[in-house]
PDB file of N, CA and C in Angstrom:
ATOM      1  N   MET A   1      11.844  -0.249 -24.047  1.00  0.00           N
ATOM      2  CA  MET A   1      10.886  -1.330 -23.782  1.00  0.00           C
ATOM      3  C   MET A   1      10.042  -0.799 -22.639  1.00  0.00           C
ATOM      4  N   ALA A   2       8.799  -0.881 -23.028  1.00  0.00           N
ATOM      5  CA  ALA A   2       7.686  -0.284 -21.826  1.00  0.00           C
ATOM      6  C   ALA A   2       7.587  -1.400 -20.837  1.00  0.00           C
ATOM      7  N   ARG A   3       7.359  -0.720 -19.659  1.00  0.00           N
ATOM      8  CA  ARG A   3       7.111  -1.621 -18.319  1.00  0.00           C
ATOM      9  C   ARG A   3       5.707  -2.228 -18.405  1.00  0.00           C
ATOM     10  N   GLU A   4       5.842  -3.432 -17.811  1.00  0.00           N
ATOM     11  CA  GLU A   4       4.612  -4.243 -17.892  1.00  0.00           C
ATOM     12  C   GLU A   4       3.616  -3.767 -16.890  1.00  0.00           C
ATOM     13  N   LYS A   5       2.388  -3.546 -17.101  1.00  0.00           N
ATOM     14  CA  LYS A   5       1.237  -2.933 -16.239  1.00  0.00           C
ATOM     15  C   LYS A   5       1.152  -3.994 -15.144  1.00  0.00           C
ATOM     16  N   ARG A   6       0.985  -3.366 -13.899  1.00  0.00           N
ATOM     17  CA  ARG A   6       0.695  -4.353 -12.679  1.00  0.00           C
ATOM     18  C   ARG A   6      -0.487  -3.812 -11.931  1.00  0.00           C
ATOM     19  N   TYR A   7      -1.245  -4.638 -11.344  1.00  0.00           N
ATOM     20  CA  TYR A   7      -2.459  -4.492 -10.496  1.00  0.00           C
ATOM     21  C   TYR A   7      -2.329  -4.793  -9.150  1.00  0.00           C
ATOM     22  N   HIS A   8      -3.015  -4.186  -8.343  1.00  0.00           N
ATOM     23  CA  HIS A   8      -2.695  -4.307  -6.856  1.00  0.00           C
ATOM     24  C   HIS A   8      -3.998  -4.420  -6.267  1.00  0.00           C
ATOM     25  N   VAL A   9      -4.149  -5.518  -5.303  1.00  0.00           N
ATOM     26  CA  VAL A   9      -5.240  -5.561  -4.293  1.00  0.00           C
ATOM     27  C   VAL A   9      -4.543  -5.104  -2.988  1.00  0.00           C
ATOM     28  N   TYR A  10      -5.235  -4.338  -2.368  1.00  0.00           N
ATOM     29  CA  TYR A  10      -4.509  -3.617  -1.078  1.00  0.00           C
ATOM     30  C   TYR A  10      -5.682  -3.623   0.016  1.00  0.00           C
ATOM     31  N   ILE A  11      -5.034  -3.621   1.161  1.00  0.00           N
ATOM     32  CA  ILE A  11      -5.982  -3.369   2.434  1.00  0.00           C
ATOM     33  C   ILE A  11      -5.365  -2.256   3.287  1.00  0.00           C
ATOM     34  N   MET A  12      -6.219  -1.356   3.538  1.00  0.00           N
ATOM     35  CA  MET A  12      -5.844  -0.141   4.330  1.00  0.00           C
ATOM     36  C   MET A  12      -6.574  -0.300   5.706  1.00  0.00           C
ATOM     37  N   ALA A  13      -5.948   0.360   6.761  1.00  0.00           N
ATOM     38  CA  ALA A  13      -6.572   0.153   7.933  1.00  0.00           C
ATOM     39  C   ALA A  13      -6.388   1.628   8.803  1.00  0.00           C
ATOM     40  N   SER A  14      -7.480   1.588   9.655  1.00  0.00           N
ATOM     41  CA  SER A  14      -7.474   2.971  10.362  1.00  0.00           C
ATOM     42  C   SER A  14      -6.745   2.597  11.715  1.00  0.00           C
ATOM     43  N   ILE A  15      -6.463   3.636  12.569  1.00  0.00           N
ATOM     44  CA  ILE A  15      -5.761   3.385  13.959  1.00  0.00           C
ATOM     45  C   ILE A  15      -6.712   2.603  14.853  1.00  0.00           C
ATOM     46  N   THR A  16      -8.072   2.607  14.555  1.00  0.00           N
ATOM     47  CA  THR A  16      -8.948   1.905  15.344  1.00  0.00           C
ATOM     48  C   THR A  16      -9.331   0.530  14.812  1.00  0.00           C
ATOM     49  N   GLY A  17      -8.567   0.153  13.730  1.00  0.00           N
ATOM     50  CA  GLY A  17      -8.820  -1.276  13.139  1.00  0.00           C
ATOM     51  C   GLY A  17      -9.938  -1.304  12.093  1.00  0.00           C
ATOM     52  N   VAL A  18     -10.507  -0.263  11.650  1.00  0.00           N
ATOM     53  CA  VAL A  18     -11.319  -0.552  10.412  1.00  0.00           C
ATOM     54  C   VAL A  18     -10.635  -0.800   9.169  1.00  0.00           C
ATOM     55  N   LEU A  19     -11.050  -1.767   8.368  1.00  0.00           N
ATOM     56  CA  LEU A  19     -10.410  -2.060   7.256  1.00  0.00           C
ATOM     57  C   LEU A  19     -11.234  -1.845   5.861  1.00  0.00           C
ATOM     58  N   TYR A  20     -10.320  -1.527   4.880  1.00  0.00           N
ATOM     59  CA  TYR A  20     -10.756  -1.309   3.640  1.00  0.00           C
ATOM     60  C   TYR A  20     -10.068  -2.088   2.503  1.00  0.00           C
ATOM     61  N   VAL A  21     -10.707  -2.886   1.638  1.00  0.00           N
ATOM     62  CA  VAL A  21     -10.083  -3.604   0.711  1.00  0.00           C
ATOM     63  C   VAL A  21     -10.322  -2.931  -0.622  1.00  0.00           C
ATOM     64  N   GLY A  22      -9.338  -2.618  -1.626  1.00  0.00           N
ATOM     65  CA  GLY A  22      -9.517  -2.216  -2.880  1.00  0.00           C
ATOM     66  C   GLY A  22      -8.555  -2.653  -3.874  1.00  0.00           C
ATOM     67  N   VAL A  23      -8.701  -2.206  -5.130  1.00  0.00           N
ATOM     68  CA  VAL A  23      -7.951  -2.810  -6.215  1.00  0.00           C
ATOM     69  C   VAL A  23      -7.648  -1.460  -7.105  1.00  0.00           C
ATOM     70  N   THR A  24      -6.259  -1.446  -7.556  1.00  0.00           N
ATOM     71  CA  THR A  24      -6.078  -0.267  -8.464  1.00  0.00           C
ATOM     72  C   THR A  24      -4.684  -0.856  -9.249  1.00  0.00           C
ATOM     73  N   GLY A  25      -4.593   0.094 -10.320  1.00  0.00           N
ATOM     74  CA  GLY A  25      -3.496  -0.088 -11.227  1.00  0.00           C
ATOM     75  C   GLY A  25      -2.227   0.813 -10.888  1.00  0.00           C
ATOM     76  N   PHE A  26      -2.651   1.612  -9.951  1.00  0.00           N
ATOM     77  CA  PHE A  26      -1.657   2.615  -9.482  1.00  0.00           C
ATOM     78  C   PHE A  26      -1.521   2.789  -7.942  1.00  0.00           C
ATOM     79  N   LEU A  27      -0.806   1.680  -7.337  1.00  0.00           N
ATOM     80  CA  LEU A  27      -0.891   1.649  -5.892  1.00  0.00           C
ATOM     81  C   LEU A  27      -0.377   2.750  -5.181  1.00  0.00           C
ATOM     82  N   VAL A  28       0.838   3.458  -5.667  1.00  0.00           N
ATOM     83  CA  VAL A  28       1.396   4.453  -4.904  1.00  0.00           C
ATOM     84  C   VAL A  28       0.410   5.589  -4.827  1.00  0.00           C
ATOM     85  N   SER A  29      -0.189   6.107  -5.952  1.00  0.00           N
ATOM     86  CA  SER A  29      -0.906   7.328  -6.120  1.00  0.00           C
ATOM     87  C   SER A  29      -2.372   6.992  -5.489  1.00  0.00           C
ATOM     88  N   ARG A  30      -2.798   5.759  -5.576  1.00  0.00           N
ATOM     89  CA  ARG A  30      -4.129   5.495  -4.707  1.00  0.00           C
ATOM     90  C   ARG A  30      -4.099   5.568  -3.342  1.00  0.00           C
ATOM     91  N   VAL A  31      -2.798   5.018  -2.827  1.00  0.00           N
ATOM     92  CA  VAL A  31      -2.513   5.017  -1.313  1.00  0.00           C
ATOM     93  C   VAL A  31      -2.439   6.473  -0.817  1.00  0.00           C
ATOM     94  N   LEU A  32      -1.742   7.334  -1.741  1.00  0.00           N
ATOM     95  CA  LEU A  32      -1.454   8.731  -1.229  1.00  0.00           C
ATOM     96  C   LEU A  32      -2.714   9.359  -1.364  1.00  0.00           C
ATOM     97  N   GLN A  33      -3.681   9.102  -2.095  1.00  0.00           N
ATOM     98  CA  GLN A  33      -5.020   9.750  -2.270  1.00  0.00           C
ATOM     99  C   GLN A  33      -5.611   9.391  -0.900  1.00  0.00           C
ATOM    100  N   HIS A  34      -5.773   8.006  -0.417  1.00  0.00           N
ATOM    101  CA  HIS A  34      -6.442   7.682   0.750  1.00  0.00           C
ATOM    102  C   HIS A  34      -5.636   8.531   1.927  1.00  0.00           C
ATOM    103  N   LYS A  35      -4.502   8.448   2.026  1.00  0.00           N
ATOM    104  CA  LYS A  35      -3.815   9.205   3.088  1.00  0.00           C
ATOM    105  C   LYS A  35      -4.136  10.697   3.212  1.00  0.00           C
ATOM    106  N   SER A  36      -4.166  11.273   2.051  1.00  0.00           N
ATOM    107  CA  SER A  36      -4.416  12.648   2.081  1.00  0.00           C
ATOM    108  C   SER A  36      -5.981  13.048   2.216  1.00  0.00           C
ATOM    109  N   GLY A  37      -6.901  12.089   2.229  1.00  0.00           N
ATOM    110  CA  GLY A  37      -8.356  12.405   2.349  1.00  0.00           C
ATOM    111  C   GLY A  37      -8.957  12.757   1.126  1.00  0.00           C
ATOM    112  N   GLN A  38      -8.420  12.515  -0.108  1.00  0.00           N
ATOM    113  CA  GLN A  38      -8.719  12.986  -1.208  1.00  0.00           C
ATOM    114  C   GLN A  38     -10.074  12.135  -1.940  1.00  0.00           C
ATOM    115  N   THR A  39     -10.056  10.905  -1.169  1.00  0.00           N
ATOM    116  CA  THR A  39     -11.283  10.008  -1.561  1.00  0.00           C
ATOM    117  C   THR A  39     -12.356  10.181  -0.681  1.00  0.00           C
ATOM    118  N   ASP A  40     -13.568  10.423  -1.312  1.00  0.00           N
ATOM    119  CA  ASP A  40     -14.845  10.734  -0.511  1.00  0.00           C
ATOM    120  C   ASP A  40     -15.276   9.237  -0.080  1.00  0.00           C
ATOM    121  N   GLY A  41     -16.143   9.354   0.953  1.00  0.00           N
ATOM    122  CA  GLY A  41     -16.904   8.187   1.241  1.00  0.00           C
ATOM    123  C   GLY A  41     -16.245   7.494   2.477  1.00  0.00           C
ATOM    124  N   PHE A  42     -16.104   6.135   2.387  1.00  0.00           N
ATOM    125  CA  PHE A  42     -15.776   5.336   3.519  1.00  0.00           C
ATOM    126  C   PHE A  42     -14.315   5.574   4.224  1.00  0.00           C
ATOM    127  N   THR A  43     -13.425   5.652   3.362  1.00  0.00           N
ATOM    128  CA  THR A  43     -12.070   5.773   3.816  1.00  0.00           C
ATOM    129  C   THR A  43     -11.660   7.093   4.384  1.00  0.00           C
ATOM    130  N   ARG A  44     -12.202   8.183   3.954  1.00  0.00           N
ATOM    131  CA  ARG A  44     -12.196   9.513   4.575  1.00  0.00           C
ATOM    132  C   ARG A  44     -12.986   9.568   5.858  1.00  0.00           C
ATOM    133  N   ARG A  45     -14.199   9.078   5.868  1.00  0.00           N
ATOM    134  CA  ARG A  45     -15.076   8.987   7.058  1.00  0.00           C
ATOM    135  C   ARG A  45     -14.421   8.302   8.222  1.00  0.00           C
ATOM    136  N   TYR A  46     -13.892   7.206   7.886  1.00  0.00           N
ATOM    137  CA  TYR A  46     -13.319   6.314   8.967  1.00  0.00           C
ATOM    138  C   TYR A  46     -11.656   6.371   9.132  1.00  0.00           C
ATOM    139  N   ARG A  47     -11.324   7.342   8.454  1.00  0.00           N
ATOM    140  CA  ARG A  47      -9.737   7.735   8.468  1.00  0.00           C
ATOM    141  C   ARG A  47      -8.998   6.377   8.164  1.00  0.00           C
ATOM    142  N   VAL A  48      -9.281   5.819   7.123  1.00  0.00           N
ATOM    143  CA  VAL A  48      -8.568   4.565   6.699  1.00  0.00           C
ATOM    144  C   VAL A  48      -7.322   4.854   6.053  1.00  0.00           C
ATOM    145  N   HIS A  49      -6.109   5.179   6.628  1.00  0.00           N
ATOM    146  CA  HIS A  49      -5.053   5.856   6.034  1.00  0.00           C
ATOM    147  C   HIS A  49      -3.646   5.090   6.022  1.00  0.00           C
ATOM    148  N   LYS A  50      -3.773   3.733   6.517  1.00  0.00           N
ATOM    149  CA  LYS A  50      -2.486   2.912   6.734  1.00  0.00           C
ATOM    150  C   LYS A  50      -2.500   1.688   5.745  1.00  0.00           C
ATOM    151  N   LEU A  51      -1.705   1.605   4.841  1.00  0.00           N
ATOM    152  CA  LEU A  51      -1.416   0.460   4.090  1.00  0.00           C
ATOM    153  C   LEU A  51      -0.816  -0.645   4.954  1.00  0.00           C
ATOM    154  N   VAL A  52      -1.639  -1.720   4.947  1.00  0.00           N
ATOM    155  CA  VAL A  52      -1.107  -2.859   5.908  1.00  0.00           C
ATOM    156  C   VAL A  52      -0.919  -4.101   5.030  1.00  0.00           C
ATOM    157  N   TYR A  53      -1.379  -4.117   3.847  1.00  0.00           N
ATOM    158  CA  TYR A  53      -1.279  -5.396   2.945  1.00  0.00           C
ATOM    159  C   TYR A  53      -1.379  -5.025   1.387  1.00  0.00           C
ATOM    160  N   TYR A  54      -0.769  -5.763   0.697  1.00  0.00           N
ATOM    161  CA  TYR A  54      -1.032  -5.726  -0.792  1.00  0.00           C
ATOM    162  C   TYR A  54      -0.474  -6.925  -1.549  1.00  0.00           C
ATOM    163  N   GLU A  55      -1.160  -7.261  -2.638  1.00  0.00           N
ATOM    164  CA  GLU A  55      -0.585  -8.162  -3.502  1.00  0.00           C
ATOM    165  C   GLU A  55      -0.677  -7.513  -4.981  1.00  0.00           C
ATOM    166  N   THR A  56       0.245  -8.194  -5.754  1.00  0.00           N
ATOM    167  CA  THR A  56       0.371  -7.576  -7.212  1.00  0.00           C
ATOM    168  C   THR A  56       0.012  -8.776  -8.034  1.00  0.00           C
ATOM    169  N   PHE A  57      -0.503  -8.255  -9.126  1.00  0.00           N
ATOM    170  CA  PHE A  57      -1.023  -9.185 -10.205  1.00  0.00           C
ATOM    171  C   PHE A  57      -0.554  -8.691 -11.651  1.00  0.00           C
ATOM    172  N   GLN A  58      -0.440  -9.590 -12.568  1.00  0.00           N
ATOM    173  CA  GLN A  58      -0.148  -9.238 -13.987  1.00  0.00           C
ATOM    174  C   GLN A  58      -1.455  -8.900 -14.693  1.00  0.00           C
ATOM    175  N   TYR A  59      -2.591  -9.469 -14.463  1.00  0.00           N
ATOM    176  CA  TYR A  59      -3.724  -9.332 -15.076  1.00  0.00           C
ATOM    177  C   TYR A  59      -4.865  -8.678 -14.203  1.00  0.00           C
ATOM    178  N   VAL A  60      -5.505  -7.702 -14.706  1.00  0.00           N
ATOM    179  CA  VAL A  60      -6.547  -6.811 -13.867  1.00  0.00           C
ATOM    180  C   VAL A  60      -7.631  -7.927 -13.528  1.00  0.00           C
ATOM    181  N   ASN A  61      -8.047  -8.706 -14.483  1.00  0.00           N
ATOM    182  CA  ASN A  61      -9.175  -9.703 -13.997  1.00  0.00           C
ATOM    183  C   ASN A  61      -8.813 -10.544 -12.765  1.00  0.00           C
ATOM    184  N   ASN A  62      -7.543 -10.863 -12.730  1.00  0.00           N
ATOM    185  CA  ASN A  62      -6.986 -11.729 -11.519  1.00  0.00           C
ATOM    186  C   ASN A  62      -7.103 -10.891 -10.266  1.00  0.00           C
ATOM    187  N   ALA A  63      -6.761  -9.705 -10.497  1.00  0.00           N
ATOM    188  CA  ALA A  63      -6.742  -8.758  -9.279  1.00  0.00           C
ATOM    189  C   ALA A  63      -8.256  -8.487  -8.738  1.00  0.00           C
ATOM    190  N   ILE A  64      -9.150  -8.226  -9.605  1.00  0.00           N
ATOM    191  CA  ILE A  64     -10.424  -8.027  -9.331  1.00  0.00           C
ATOM    192  C   ILE A  64     -11.024  -9.183  -8.678  1.00  0.00           C
ATOM    193  N   ALA A  65     -10.813 -10.320  -9.180  1.00  0.00           N
ATOM    194  CA  ALA A  65     -11.301 -11.424  -8.527  1.00  0.00           C
ATOM    195  C   ALA A  65     -10.807 -11.733  -7.100  1.00  0.00           C
ATOM    196  N   ARG A  66      -9.557 -11.430  -6.949  1.00  0.00           N
ATOM    197  CA  ARG A  66      -8.957 -11.603  -5.586  1.00  0.00           C
ATOM    198  C   ARG A  66      -9.635 -10.523  -4.737  1.00  0.00           C
ATOM    199  N   GLU A  67      -9.764  -9.321  -5.130  1.00  0.00           N
ATOM    200  CA  GLU A  67     -10.458  -8.276  -4.283  1.00  0.00           C
ATOM    201  C   GLU A  67     -11.763  -8.703  -3.857  1.00  0.00           C
ATOM    202  N   THR A  68     -12.587  -9.369  -4.925  1.00  0.00           N
ATOM    203  CA  THR A  68     -13.917  -9.673  -4.579  1.00  0.00           C
ATOM    204  C   THR A  68     -13.915 -10.989  -3.469  1.00  0.00           C
ATOM    205  N   GLU A  69     -12.897 -11.848  -3.758  1.00  0.00           N
ATOM    206  CA  GLU A  69     -12.710 -12.887  -2.818  1.00  0.00           C
ATOM    207  C   GLU A  69     -12.605 -12.431  -1.277  1.00  0.00           C
ATOM    208  N   ILE A  70     -11.566 -11.431  -1.190  1.00  0.00           N
ATOM    209  CA  ILE A  70     -11.238 -11.120   0.102  1.00  0.00           C
ATOM    210  C   ILE A  70     -12.247 -10.131   0.817  1.00  0.00           C
ATOM    211  N   LYS A  71     -12.999  -9.327  -0.001  1.00  0.00           N
ATOM    212  CA  LYS A  71     -14.278  -8.501   0.497  1.00  0.00           C
ATOM    213  C   LYS A  71     -15.389  -9.616   0.986  1.00  0.00           C
ATOM    214  N   LYS A  72     -15.320 -10.713   0.654  1.00  0.00           N
ATOM    215  CA  LYS A  72     -16.451 -11.517   0.929  1.00  0.00           C
ATOM    216  C   LYS A  72     -16.157 -12.407   2.431  1.00  0.00           C
ATOM    217  N   TRP A  73     -14.732 -12.191   2.669  1.00  0.00           N
ATOM    218  CA  TRP A  73     -14.248 -12.980   3.788  1.00  0.00           C
ATOM    219  C   TRP A  73     -14.611 -12.139   5.222  1.00  0.00           C
ATOM    220  N   ARG A  74     -14.763 -12.919   6.287  1.00  0.00           N
ATOM    221  CA  ARG A  74     -15.188 -12.305   7.556  1.00  0.00           C
ATOM    222  C   ARG A  74     -13.844 -11.559   8.071  1.00  0.00           C
ATOM    223  N   ARG A  75     -14.052 -10.678   9.021  1.00  0.00           N
ATOM    224  CA  ARG A  75     -13.015  -9.760   9.551  1.00  0.00           C
ATOM    225  C   ARG A  75     -11.864 -10.749   9.956  1.00  0.00           C
ATOM    226  N   GLU A  76     -12.117 -11.831  10.757  1.00  0.00           N
ATOM    227  CA  GLU A  76     -11.079 -12.775  11.193  1.00  0.00           C
ATOM    228  C   GLU A  76     -10.040 -13.216  10.027  1.00  0.00           C
ATOM    229  N   LYS A  77     -10.593 -13.451   9.091  1.00  0.00           N
ATOM    230  CA  LYS A  77      -9.825 -14.055   7.857  1.00  0.00           C
ATOM    231  C   LYS A  77      -8.924 -12.975   7.236  1.00  0.00           C
ATOM    232  N   LYS A  78      -9.508 -11.764   7.131  1.00  0.00           N
ATOM    233  CA  LYS A  78      -8.786 -10.665   6.627  1.00  0.00           C
ATOM    234  C   LYS A  78      -7.615 -10.357   7.539  1.00  0.00           C
ATOM    235  N   VAL A  79      -7.915 -10.303   8.932  1.00  0.00           N
ATOM    236  CA  VAL A  79      -6.773  -9.931   9.997  1.00  0.00           C
ATOM    237  C   VAL A  79      -5.789 -11.120   9.789  1.00  0.00           C
ATOM    238  N   ALA A  80      -6.123 -12.289   9.664  1.00  0.00           N
ATOM    239  CA  ALA A  80      -5.018 -13.261   9.672  1.00  0.00           C
ATOM    240  C   ALA A  80      -4.210 -13.283   8.316  1.00  0.00           C
ATOM    241  N   LEU A  81      -4.780 -12.603   7.325  1.00  0.00           N
ATOM    242  CA  LEU A  81      -4.009 -12.480   6.031  1.00  0.00           C
ATOM    243  C   LEU A  81      -2.943 -11.484   6.302  1.00  0.00           C
ATOM    244  N   ILE A  82      -3.598 -10.293   6.962  1.00  0.00           N
ATOM    245  CA  ILE A  82      -2.495  -9.360   7.402  1.00  0.00           C
ATOM    246  C   ILE A  82      -1.598  -9.691   8.421  1.00  0.00           C
ATOM    247  N   ASP A  83      -1.852 -10.460   9.295  1.00  0.00           N
ATOM    248  CA  ASP A  83      -0.866 -10.915  10.278  1.00  0.00           C
ATOM    249  C   ASP A  83       0.293 -11.677   9.844  1.00  0.00           C
ATOM    250  N   ALA A  84      -0.195 -12.668   8.684  1.00  0.00           N
ATOM    251  CA  ALA A  84       0.765 -13.591   8.225  1.00  0.00           C
ATOM    252  C   ALA A  84       1.859 -12.798   7.441  1.00  0.00           C
ATOM    253  N   GLN A  85       1.614 -11.585   6.724  1.00  0.00           N
ATOM    254  CA  GLN A  85       2.540 -10.878   6.031  1.00  0.00           C
ATOM    255  C   GLN A  85       3.200  -9.660   6.799  1.00  0.00           C
ATOM    256  N   ASN A  86       2.350  -9.215   7.832  1.00  0.00           N
ATOM    257  CA  ASN A  86       2.917  -7.862   8.228  1.00  0.00           C
ATOM    258  C   ASN A  86       2.204  -7.852   9.886  1.00  0.00           C
ATOM    259  N   PRO A  87       2.824  -8.832  10.681  1.00  0.00           N
ATOM    260  CA  PRO A  87       2.241  -9.011  12.088  1.00  0.00           C
ATOM    261  C   PRO A  87       2.327  -7.945  12.917  1.00  0.00           C
ATOM    262  N   ASP A  88       3.081  -6.840  12.718  1.00  0.00           N
ATOM    263  CA  ASP A  88       2.846  -5.580  13.512  1.00  0.00           C
ATOM    264  C   ASP A  88       2.043  -4.546  12.885  1.00  0.00           C
ATOM    265  N   TRP A  89       1.601  -4.735  11.809  1.00  0.00           N
ATOM    266  CA  TRP A  89       0.407  -3.718  11.100  1.00  0.00           C
ATOM    267  C   TRP A  89       1.254  -2.612  10.758  1.00  0.00           C
ATOM    268  N   MET A  90       2.389  -2.606  10.401  1.00  0.00           N
ATOM    269  CA  MET A  90       3.241  -1.516  10.127  1.00  0.00           C
ATOM    270  C   MET A  90       2.645  -0.794   8.811  1.00  0.00           C
ATOM    271  N   ASP A  91       2.689   0.485   8.781  1.00  0.00           N
ATOM    272  CA  ASP A  91       2.229   1.152   7.475  1.00  0.00           C
ATOM    273  C   ASP A  91       3.251   1.121   6.352  1.00  0.00           C
ATOM    274  N   LEU A  92       2.939   0.268   5.387  1.00  0.00           N
ATOM    275  CA  LEU A  92       3.929  -0.194   4.328  1.00  0.00           C
ATOM    276  C   LEU A  92       4.188   1.026   3.516  1.00  0.00           C
ATOM    277  N   ALA A  93       3.473   2.010   3.515  1.00  0.00           N
ATOM    278  CA  ALA A  93       3.447   3.199   2.771  1.00  0.00           C
ATOM    279  C   ALA A  93       3.989   4.503   3.627  1.00  0.00           C
ATOM    280  N   ALA A  94       4.534   4.266   4.903  1.00  0.00           N
ATOM    281  CA  ALA A  94       4.902   5.371   5.801  1.00  0.00           C
ATOM    282  C   ALA A  94       5.505   6.478   5.184  1.00  0.00           C
ATOM    283  N   ASP A  95       6.516   6.070   4.375  1.00  0.00           N
ATOM    284  CA  ASP A  95       7.387   7.025   3.668  1.00  0.00           C
ATOM    285  C   ASP A  95       7.049   7.490   2.223  1.00  0.00           C
ATOM    286  N   TRP A  96       6.018   6.987   1.730  1.00  0.00           N
ATOM    287  CA  TRP A  96       5.562   7.349   0.289  1.00  0.00           C
ATOM    288  C   TRP A  96       5.136   8.781   0.284  1.00  0.00           C
ATOM    289  N   GLY A  97       5.477   9.585  -0.643  1.00  0.00           N
ATOM    290  CA  GLY A  97       5.048  10.827  -0.974  1.00  0.00           C
ATOM    291  C   GLY A  97       6.061  11.921  -0.161  1.00  0.00           C
ATOM    292  N   LYS A  98       6.921  11.491   0.750  1.00  0.00           N
ATOM    293  CA  LYS A  98       7.714  12.411   1.347  1.00  0.00           C
ATOM    294  C   LYS A  98       8.924  12.740   0.611  1.00  0.00           C
ATOM    295  N   PRO A  99       9.393  13.944   0.583  1.00  0.00           N
ATOM    296  CA  PRO A  99      10.561  14.402  -0.125  1.00  0.00           C
ATOM    297  C   PRO A  99      11.890  13.375   0.122  1.00  0.00           C
ATOM    298  N   ALA A 100      12.385  13.091  -0.911  1.00  0.00           N
ATOM    299  CA  ALA A 100      13.737  12.332  -0.845  1.00  0.00           C
ATOM    300  C   ALA A 100      14.685  13.151  -0.376  1.00  0.00           C
ATOM    301  N   VAL A 101      15.742  12.570   0.414  1.00  0.00           N
ATOM    302  CA  VAL A 101      16.806  13.354   0.942  1.00  0.00           C
ATOM    303  C   VAL A 101      17.954  13.015   0.046  1.00  0.00           C
ATOM    304  N   MET A 102      18.550  13.938  -0.577  1.00  0.00           N
ATOM    305  CA  MET A 102      19.812  13.603  -1.418  1.00  0.00           C
ATOM    306  C   MET A 102      21.077  13.963  -0.576  1.00  0.00           C
ATOM    307  N   ARG A 103      21.918  13.023  -0.618  1.00  0.00           N
ATOM    308  CA  ARG A 103      23.187  13.329   0.236  1.00  0.00           C
ATOM    309  C   ARG A 103      24.330  13.323  -0.900  1.00  0.00           C
ATOM    310  N   GLN A 104      25.153  14.188  -0.669  1.00  0.00           N
ATOM    311  CA  GLN A 104      26.548  14.297  -1.492  1.00  0.00           C
ATOM    312  C   GLN A 104      27.417  13.393  -0.880  1.00  0.00           C
ATOM    313  N   ILE A 105      28.177  12.462  -1.519  1.00  0.00           N
ATOM    314  CA  ILE A 105      29.098  11.614  -1.046  1.00  0.00           C
ATOM    315  C   ILE A 105      30.532  12.270  -1.514  1.00  0.00           C
ATOM    316  N   PRO A 106      31.366  12.423  -0.495  1.00  0.00           N
ATOM    317  CA  PRO A 106      32.494  13.125  -1.059  1.00  0.00           C
ATOM    318  C   PRO A 106      33.474  12.060  -1.809  1.00  0.00           C
ATOM    319  N   PRO A 107      34.240  12.765  -2.777  1.00  0.00           N
ATOM    320  CA  PRO A 107      34.974  11.774  -3.712  1.00  0.00           C
ATOM    321  C   PRO A 107      36.062  11.025  -2.844  1.00  0.00           C
ATOM    322  N   PRO A 108      36.457   9.773  -3.319  1.00  0.00           N
ATOM    323  CA  PRO A 108      37.330   9.040  -2.387  1.00  0.00           C
ATOM    324  C   PRO A 108      38.710   9.612  -2.382  1.00  0.00           C
ATOM    325  N   ARG A 109      39.274   9.536  -1.259  1.00  0.00           N
ATOM    326  CA  ARG A 109      40.710  10.188  -0.934  1.00  0.00           C
ATOM    327  C   ARG A 109      41.778   9.336  -1.936  1.00  0.00           C
ATOM    328  N   SER A 110      42.603  10.256  -2.398  1.00  0.00           N
ATOM    329  CA  SER A 110      43.814   9.603  -3.146  1.00  0.00           C
ATOM    330  C   SER A 110      44.640   8.958  -2.296  1.00  0.00           C
ATOM    331  N   ALA A 111      45.540   8.135  -2.614  1.00  0.00           N
ATOM    332  CA  ALA A 111      46.650   7.418  -1.821  1.00  0.00           C
ATOM    333  C   ALA A 111      47.671   8.434  -1.403  1.00  0.00           C
ATOM    334  N   SER A 112      47.825   9.598  -1.965  1.00  0.00           N
ATOM    335  CA  SER A 112      48.877  10.403  -1.462  1.00  0.00           C
ATOM    336  C   SER A 112      48.383  11.321  -0.473  1.00  0.00           C
ATOM    337  N   GLU A 113      47.130  11.334  -0.080  1.00  0.00           N
ATOM    338  CA  GLU A 113      46.582  12.195   0.936  1.00  0.00           C
ATOM    339  C   GLU A 113      46.955  11.750   2.424  1.00  0.00           C
TER     340      GLU A 113
END
């Protein structure tokens, strides 16, 4: 069975507090593009590399409408939205794209050992 497509509205921030609002169907790859500087323009120029907020939608038109709504807001309202879900402004994608560490778990010991 195919997995249902999801769309995301996200907010990225720089260490100086510059905000960027975007929409994507592939959140992980899009955020990694921002982090690596692969995107030309605003986010690379202002080093907007930290994912601080995102919402998920089933339908692309709802995601686009929400992105448009948030983009029209004043900075204070965007900050309040982030603060409500992520008060410490942690990078929600801090570990994304890093190699996974595989650990071998030893087999359970038998009762005779």
